[in-house]
Structures are given as structure tokens and as C-alpha cells.
Amino acid sequence: MVLVLTIIYGIQVQLLLHIAFRSGTYTVTVTDAGGCTGTATATVIQPNGLPAAVATVNPVSCFGGSNGAINITTTNGQQPLQFLWNNGFTTEDLTGLTAGNYTVTVTDANGCSAD
């Protein structure tokens, strides 16, 4: 988290604090030698955790067929989620599949990903 405080007292000064906070609301007050104060409040939100996916697979019905499907159900992660399959598709679910191995990487809005 980066907390930016701007203090105006003749000149403008920015103070950047790079601190690892737990979720919650934090307030910082800065007081100068003359007794003037400035206050800033920031709220840190706990992410939903890494995205997780469960696949329901419908195999092809016969040798050489192309009617297989994979349906993904996701939990966790910050919406929206992005999907990248090893065949280049970016949809959540796949249909019209031939027999083979398929992998998906799910990435959430925070850039957290899981395979």
C-alpha cells in the first residue's frame, strides 16, 4: 500500500509510506513544529484470495469426435476474471473440443493468477 500525504505549509511536501497493512481503516496525523496538523485516512481492503477454478468435463462421444466441452466454475479472486487456455482461447468455458489436454490460467483484476 502507498499512502500519500500532501502537507502545505509555505511549500508542498509529499510523504510516501510503503507499508504492509492488514485490512482495516488507518489514520495518520502529521504535526509540524508550529503545532499545525494534517490528517489522512486510508482503508485497506482484504482481497478475495487467489482465484480457484473447478472444471466439469464432458468428453467427446466417439473416436475422432469434436463435441467435448469444459465448463469452469470459479471462486475467489477479484472480479472481473480473465481466462487464458493453452489453445489460445480466452472464454471461461470451451465447447466443440476434440480429445486432448487443456489447461487454463485464471487471472483476477488484481493480477493474481492460478493454473
N, C-alpha and C. Protein backbone atom coordinates (compact mmCIF):
# COMPACT_ATOMS: atom_id res chain seq x y z
N MET A 1 0.84 -1.17 0.00
CA MET A 1 0.00 0.00 0.00
C MET A 1 0.88 1.23 0.00
N VAL A 2 0.46 2.23 -0.71
CA VAL A 2 1.16 3.52 -0.71
C VAL A 2 0.19 4.55 -0.17
N LEU A 3 0.59 5.22 0.87
CA LEU A 3 -0.20 6.30 1.44
C LEU A 3 0.48 7.60 1.10
N VAL A 4 -0.23 8.49 0.44
CA VAL A 4 0.34 9.76 0.02
C VAL A 4 -0.27 10.87 0.86
N LEU A 5 0.59 11.61 1.54
CA LEU A 5 0.15 12.77 2.30
C LEU A 5 0.71 14.01 1.65
N THR A 6 -0.12 14.98 1.46
CA THR A 6 0.35 16.27 0.94
C THR A 6 0.17 17.29 2.04
N ILE A 7 1.26 17.90 2.44
CA ILE A 7 1.23 18.89 3.51
C ILE A 7 1.60 20.23 2.92
N ILE A 8 0.73 21.22 3.11
CA ILE A 8 1.01 22.55 2.56
C ILE A 8 1.31 23.49 3.73
N TYR A 9 2.52 23.99 3.74
CA TYR A 9 2.96 24.95 4.76
C TYR A 9 4.06 25.78 4.12
N GLY A 10 3.67 26.75 3.35
CA GLY A 10 4.66 27.53 2.61
C GLY A 10 5.05 26.83 1.32
N ILE A 11 5.46 25.57 1.42
CA ILE A 11 5.79 24.76 0.24
C ILE A 11 5.05 23.43 0.37
N GLN A 12 4.94 22.76 -0.73
CA GLN A 12 4.23 21.47 -0.73
C GLN A 12 5.23 20.34 -0.58
N VAL A 13 4.92 19.41 0.29
CA VAL A 13 5.78 18.26 0.53
C VAL A 13 4.91 17.01 0.40
N GLN A 14 5.43 16.00 -0.26
CA GLN A 14 4.72 14.73 -0.33
C GLN A 14 5.50 13.69 0.46
N LEU A 15 4.79 12.93 1.23
CA LEU A 15 5.37 11.87 2.02
C LEU A 15 4.76 10.56 1.54
N LEU A 16 5.59 9.66 1.07
CA LEU A 16 5.10 8.36 0.60
C LEU A 16 5.48 7.30 1.63
N LEU A 17 4.51 6.56 2.07
CA LEU A 17 4.76 5.48 3.01
C LEU A 17 4.45 4.16 2.33
N HIS A 18 5.43 3.30 2.22
CA HIS A 18 5.23 1.96 1.66
C HIS A 18 5.23 1.00 2.85
N ILE A 19 4.06 0.62 3.27
CA ILE A 19 3.92 -0.19 4.47
C ILE A 19 2.94 -1.32 4.19
N ALA A 20 3.23 -2.48 4.72
CA ALA A 20 2.31 -3.61 4.59
C ALA A 20 1.30 -3.53 5.73
N PHE A 21 0.05 -3.25 5.40
CA PHE A 21 -1.02 -3.13 6.38
C PHE A 21 -1.93 -4.33 6.31
N ARG A 22 -2.52 -4.68 7.44
CA ARG A 22 -3.64 -5.64 7.43
C ARG A 22 -4.88 -4.87 7.01
N SER A 23 -5.93 -5.57 6.62
CA SER A 23 -7.14 -4.87 6.20
C SER A 23 -7.70 -4.07 7.37
N GLY A 24 -8.29 -2.94 7.04
CA GLY A 24 -8.86 -2.06 8.05
C GLY A 24 -8.72 -0.61 7.62
N THR A 25 -9.13 0.31 8.48
CA THR A 25 -9.03 1.74 8.20
C THR A 25 -7.93 2.32 9.08
N TYR A 26 -7.06 3.11 8.46
CA TYR A 26 -5.92 3.70 9.15
C TYR A 26 -5.95 5.21 8.99
N THR A 27 -5.58 5.90 10.05
CA THR A 27 -5.49 7.36 10.02
C THR A 27 -4.11 7.75 10.50
N VAL A 28 -3.51 8.69 9.78
CA VAL A 28 -2.21 9.20 10.19
C VAL A 28 -2.33 10.72 10.32
N THR A 29 -1.74 11.24 11.38
CA THR A 29 -1.74 12.68 11.62
C THR A 29 -0.30 13.15 11.69
N VAL A 30 0.00 14.21 10.96
CA VAL A 30 1.34 14.79 10.96
C VAL A 30 1.24 16.17 11.61
N THR A 31 2.12 16.41 12.57
CA THR A 31 2.15 17.70 13.25
C THR A 31 3.51 18.33 13.05
N ASP A 32 3.53 19.60 12.63
CA ASP A 32 4.81 20.29 12.43
C ASP A 32 5.23 20.98 13.72
N ALA A 33 6.40 21.59 13.69
CA ALA A 33 6.97 22.23 14.87
C ALA A 33 6.08 23.37 15.38
N GLY A 34 5.29 23.97 14.51
CA GLY A 34 4.41 25.06 14.91
C GLY A 34 3.07 24.59 15.44
N GLY A 35 2.83 23.30 15.51
CA GLY A 35 1.59 22.77 16.03
C GLY A 35 0.50 22.58 15.00
N CYS A 36 0.79 22.89 13.72
CA CYS A 36 -0.19 22.67 12.66
C CYS A 36 -0.24 21.18 12.32
N THR A 37 -1.45 20.68 12.09
CA THR A 37 -1.59 19.25 11.80
C THR A 37 -2.27 19.01 10.47
N GLY A 38 -2.00 17.89 9.91
CA GLY A 38 -2.66 17.39 8.71
C GLY A 38 -2.99 15.93 8.94
N THR A 39 -4.16 15.49 8.49
CA THR A 39 -4.62 14.12 8.73
C THR A 39 -5.03 13.48 7.41
N ALA A 40 -4.72 12.22 7.26
CA ALA A 40 -5.16 11.44 6.09
C ALA A 40 -5.65 10.08 6.58
N THR A 41 -6.69 9.58 5.93
CA THR A 41 -7.26 8.29 6.26
C THR A 41 -7.26 7.41 5.02
N ALA A 42 -6.92 6.14 5.20
CA ALA A 42 -6.93 5.19 4.10
C ALA A 42 -7.55 3.89 4.58
N THR A 43 -8.29 3.23 3.69
CA THR A 43 -8.89 1.94 4.00
C THR A 43 -8.21 0.88 3.15
N VAL A 44 -7.74 -0.17 3.81
CA VAL A 44 -7.09 -1.29 3.14
C VAL A 44 -8.11 -2.43 3.09
N ILE A 45 -8.37 -2.93 1.88
CA ILE A 45 -9.35 -3.99 1.68
C ILE A 45 -8.63 -5.31 1.50
N GLN A 46 -9.11 -6.34 2.15
CA GLN A 46 -8.55 -7.68 2.02
C GLN A 46 -9.01 -8.29 0.70
N PRO A 47 -8.09 -8.70 -0.17
CA PRO A 47 -8.50 -9.35 -1.42
C PRO A 47 -9.25 -10.65 -1.14
N ASN A 48 -9.94 -11.13 -2.15
CA ASN A 48 -10.73 -12.35 -2.02
C ASN A 48 -9.91 -13.62 -2.09
N GLY A 49 -8.60 -13.54 -2.16
CA GLY A 49 -7.77 -14.73 -2.30
C GLY A 49 -7.52 -15.06 -3.76
N LEU A 50 -6.68 -16.04 -3.98
CA LEU A 50 -6.37 -16.45 -5.34
C LEU A 50 -7.60 -17.03 -6.01
N PRO A 51 -7.76 -16.74 -7.31
CA PRO A 51 -8.89 -17.35 -8.00
C PRO A 51 -8.72 -18.88 -8.05
N ALA A 52 -9.83 -19.57 -7.88
CA ALA A 52 -9.81 -21.03 -7.95
C ALA A 52 -10.84 -21.47 -8.98
N ALA A 53 -10.54 -22.52 -9.70
CA ALA A 53 -11.45 -22.99 -10.74
C ALA A 53 -11.66 -24.50 -10.60
N VAL A 54 -12.90 -24.90 -10.79
CA VAL A 54 -13.25 -26.32 -10.84
C VAL A 54 -13.82 -26.58 -12.22
N ALA A 55 -13.32 -27.62 -12.87
CA ALA A 55 -13.74 -27.93 -14.25
C ALA A 55 -14.69 -29.11 -14.28
N THR A 56 -15.78 -28.95 -15.04
CA THR A 56 -16.67 -30.06 -15.35
C THR A 56 -16.41 -30.41 -16.81
N VAL A 57 -15.96 -31.66 -17.03
CA VAL A 57 -15.54 -32.07 -18.38
C VAL A 57 -16.58 -33.01 -18.98
N ASN A 58 -16.98 -32.69 -20.20
CA ASN A 58 -17.84 -33.58 -21.00
C ASN A 58 -16.97 -34.11 -22.13
N PRO A 59 -16.56 -35.39 -22.05
CA PRO A 59 -15.67 -35.93 -23.08
C PRO A 59 -16.36 -36.07 -24.43
N VAL A 60 -15.54 -36.21 -25.48
CA VAL A 60 -16.11 -36.44 -26.81
C VAL A 60 -16.87 -37.77 -26.79
N SER A 61 -17.92 -37.86 -27.60
CA SER A 61 -18.79 -39.04 -27.54
C SER A 61 -18.25 -40.24 -28.29
N CYS A 62 -17.34 -40.02 -29.27
CA CYS A 62 -16.78 -41.14 -30.01
C CYS A 62 -15.41 -40.74 -30.58
N PHE A 63 -14.63 -41.75 -30.97
CA PHE A 63 -13.30 -41.51 -31.51
C PHE A 63 -13.36 -40.52 -32.67
N GLY A 64 -12.49 -39.51 -32.63
CA GLY A 64 -12.43 -38.50 -33.68
C GLY A 64 -13.49 -37.42 -33.56
N GLY A 65 -14.30 -37.48 -32.51
CA GLY A 65 -15.38 -36.51 -32.34
C GLY A 65 -14.86 -35.14 -31.92
N SER A 66 -15.73 -34.17 -32.05
CA SER A 66 -15.38 -32.80 -31.65
C SER A 66 -16.53 -32.15 -30.89
N ASN A 67 -17.11 -32.94 -29.99
CA ASN A 67 -18.22 -32.42 -29.21
C ASN A 67 -17.92 -32.40 -27.70
N GLY A 68 -16.65 -32.38 -27.36
CA GLY A 68 -16.25 -32.28 -25.96
C GLY A 68 -16.45 -30.86 -25.45
N ALA A 69 -16.54 -30.73 -24.13
CA ALA A 69 -16.74 -29.41 -23.53
C ALA A 69 -16.11 -29.37 -22.14
N ILE A 70 -15.71 -28.17 -21.75
CA ILE A 70 -15.21 -27.93 -20.39
C ILE A 70 -15.96 -26.72 -19.85
N ASN A 71 -16.58 -26.90 -18.69
CA ASN A 71 -17.30 -25.82 -18.03
C ASN A 71 -16.53 -25.48 -16.74
N ILE A 72 -16.13 -24.22 -16.61
CA ILE A 72 -15.36 -23.78 -15.45
C ILE A 72 -16.28 -23.07 -14.46
N THR A 73 -16.15 -23.42 -13.19
CA THR A 73 -16.83 -22.71 -12.11
C THR A 73 -15.74 -22.11 -11.24
N THR A 74 -15.81 -20.79 -10.99
CA THR A 74 -14.74 -20.11 -10.25
C THR A 74 -15.22 -19.65 -8.88
N THR A 75 -14.26 -19.56 -7.98
CA THR A 75 -14.48 -18.96 -6.67
C THR A 75 -13.27 -18.07 -6.38
N ASN A 76 -13.44 -17.18 -5.44
CA ASN A 76 -12.37 -16.26 -5.01
C ASN A 76 -11.95 -15.34 -6.15
N GLY A 77 -10.88 -14.61 -5.90
CA GLY A 77 -10.38 -13.68 -6.90
C GLY A 77 -11.23 -12.42 -6.97
N GLN A 78 -10.60 -11.33 -7.38
CA GLN A 78 -11.28 -10.05 -7.54
C GLN A 78 -11.82 -9.95 -8.96
N GLN A 79 -13.13 -9.77 -9.10
CA GLN A 79 -13.76 -9.67 -10.42
C GLN A 79 -13.30 -8.39 -11.13
N PRO A 80 -13.23 -8.35 -12.45
CA PRO A 80 -13.54 -9.45 -13.36
C PRO A 80 -12.36 -10.41 -13.50
N LEU A 81 -12.68 -11.64 -13.86
CA LEU A 81 -11.65 -12.66 -14.08
C LEU A 81 -11.37 -12.78 -15.57
N GLN A 82 -10.11 -13.10 -15.89
CA GLN A 82 -9.72 -13.36 -17.27
C GLN A 82 -9.25 -14.80 -17.38
N PHE A 83 -9.50 -15.40 -18.53
CA PHE A 83 -9.17 -16.80 -18.76
C PHE A 83 -8.25 -16.91 -19.97
N LEU A 84 -7.23 -17.72 -19.85
CA LEU A 84 -6.34 -17.99 -20.98
C LEU A 84 -6.06 -19.49 -21.03
N TRP A 85 -6.58 -20.12 -22.08
CA TRP A 85 -6.41 -21.55 -22.27
C TRP A 85 -5.15 -21.82 -23.08
N ASN A 86 -4.61 -23.03 -22.94
CA ASN A 86 -3.39 -23.39 -23.69
C ASN A 86 -3.62 -23.45 -25.20
N ASN A 87 -4.87 -23.42 -25.64
CA ASN A 87 -5.16 -23.38 -27.08
C ASN A 87 -5.41 -21.95 -27.56
N GLY A 88 -5.18 -20.95 -26.67
CA GLY A 88 -5.31 -19.54 -27.05
C GLY A 88 -6.67 -18.92 -26.80
N PHE A 89 -7.67 -19.73 -26.48
CA PHE A 89 -9.00 -19.17 -26.23
C PHE A 89 -9.01 -18.41 -24.91
N THR A 90 -9.89 -17.42 -24.83
CA THR A 90 -9.96 -16.58 -23.63
C THR A 90 -11.36 -16.58 -23.01
N THR A 91 -12.17 -17.54 -23.37
CA THR A 91 -13.51 -17.66 -22.79
C THR A 91 -13.44 -18.49 -21.51
N GLU A 92 -14.45 -18.35 -20.67
CA GLU A 92 -14.47 -19.13 -19.43
C GLU A 92 -14.65 -20.62 -19.74
N ASP A 93 -15.54 -20.94 -20.64
CA ASP A 93 -15.85 -22.33 -20.97
C ASP A 93 -15.46 -22.63 -22.41
N LEU A 94 -15.21 -23.91 -22.69
CA LEU A 94 -14.86 -24.34 -24.05
C LEU A 94 -15.86 -25.38 -24.52
N THR A 95 -16.24 -25.30 -25.79
CA THR A 95 -17.12 -26.30 -26.40
C THR A 95 -16.53 -26.68 -27.76
N GLY A 96 -17.05 -27.75 -28.33
CA GLY A 96 -16.59 -28.19 -29.64
C GLY A 96 -15.17 -28.73 -29.60
N LEU A 97 -14.79 -29.34 -28.49
CA LEU A 97 -13.41 -29.81 -28.32
C LEU A 97 -13.19 -31.21 -28.85
N THR A 98 -11.98 -31.44 -29.36
CA THR A 98 -11.53 -32.78 -29.70
C THR A 98 -10.80 -33.33 -28.48
N ALA A 99 -10.49 -34.63 -28.51
CA ALA A 99 -9.75 -35.24 -27.41
C ALA A 99 -8.39 -34.55 -27.28
N GLY A 100 -7.94 -34.34 -26.07
CA GLY A 100 -6.65 -33.70 -25.85
C GLY A 100 -6.52 -33.17 -24.44
N ASN A 101 -5.39 -32.54 -24.17
CA ASN A 101 -5.14 -31.94 -22.86
C ASN A 101 -5.37 -30.44 -22.93
N TYR A 102 -6.11 -29.91 -21.97
CA TYR A 102 -6.42 -28.48 -21.95
C TYR A 102 -6.09 -27.93 -20.57
N THR A 103 -5.41 -26.80 -20.53
CA THR A 103 -5.12 -26.13 -19.27
C THR A 103 -5.59 -24.68 -19.38
N VAL A 104 -5.94 -24.10 -18.24
CA VAL A 104 -6.40 -22.72 -18.21
C VAL A 104 -5.70 -21.98 -17.08
N THR A 105 -5.36 -20.73 -17.33
CA THR A 105 -4.86 -19.83 -16.30
C THR A 105 -5.94 -18.79 -16.05
N VAL A 106 -6.34 -18.64 -14.79
CA VAL A 106 -7.36 -17.67 -14.40
C VAL A 106 -6.64 -16.52 -13.68
N THR A 107 -6.87 -15.30 -14.17
CA THR A 107 -6.23 -14.12 -13.59
C THR A 107 -7.32 -13.15 -13.15
N ASP A 108 -7.18 -12.64 -11.91
CA ASP A 108 -8.20 -11.70 -11.42
C ASP A 108 -7.77 -10.26 -11.66
N ALA A 109 -8.64 -9.31 -11.28
CA ALA A 109 -8.42 -7.89 -11.53
C ALA A 109 -7.19 -7.35 -10.81
N ASN A 110 -6.71 -8.06 -9.78
CA ASN A 110 -5.51 -7.65 -9.05
C ASN A 110 -4.23 -8.23 -9.67
N GLY A 111 -4.39 -9.02 -10.73
CA GLY A 111 -3.23 -9.64 -11.36
C GLY A 111 -2.81 -10.95 -10.72
N CYS A 112 -3.59 -11.45 -9.76
CA CYS A 112 -3.29 -12.74 -9.14
C CYS A 112 -3.80 -13.84 -10.07
N SER A 113 -3.01 -14.89 -10.22
CA SER A 113 -3.43 -15.94 -11.15
C SER A 113 -3.22 -17.32 -10.55
N ALA A 114 -3.96 -18.26 -11.10
CA ALA A 114 -3.86 -19.66 -10.71
C ALA A 114 -4.07 -20.50 -11.96
N ASP A 115 -3.35 -21.62 -12.03
CA ASP A 115 -3.49 -22.54 -13.16
C ASP A 115 -4.41 -23.69 -12.77
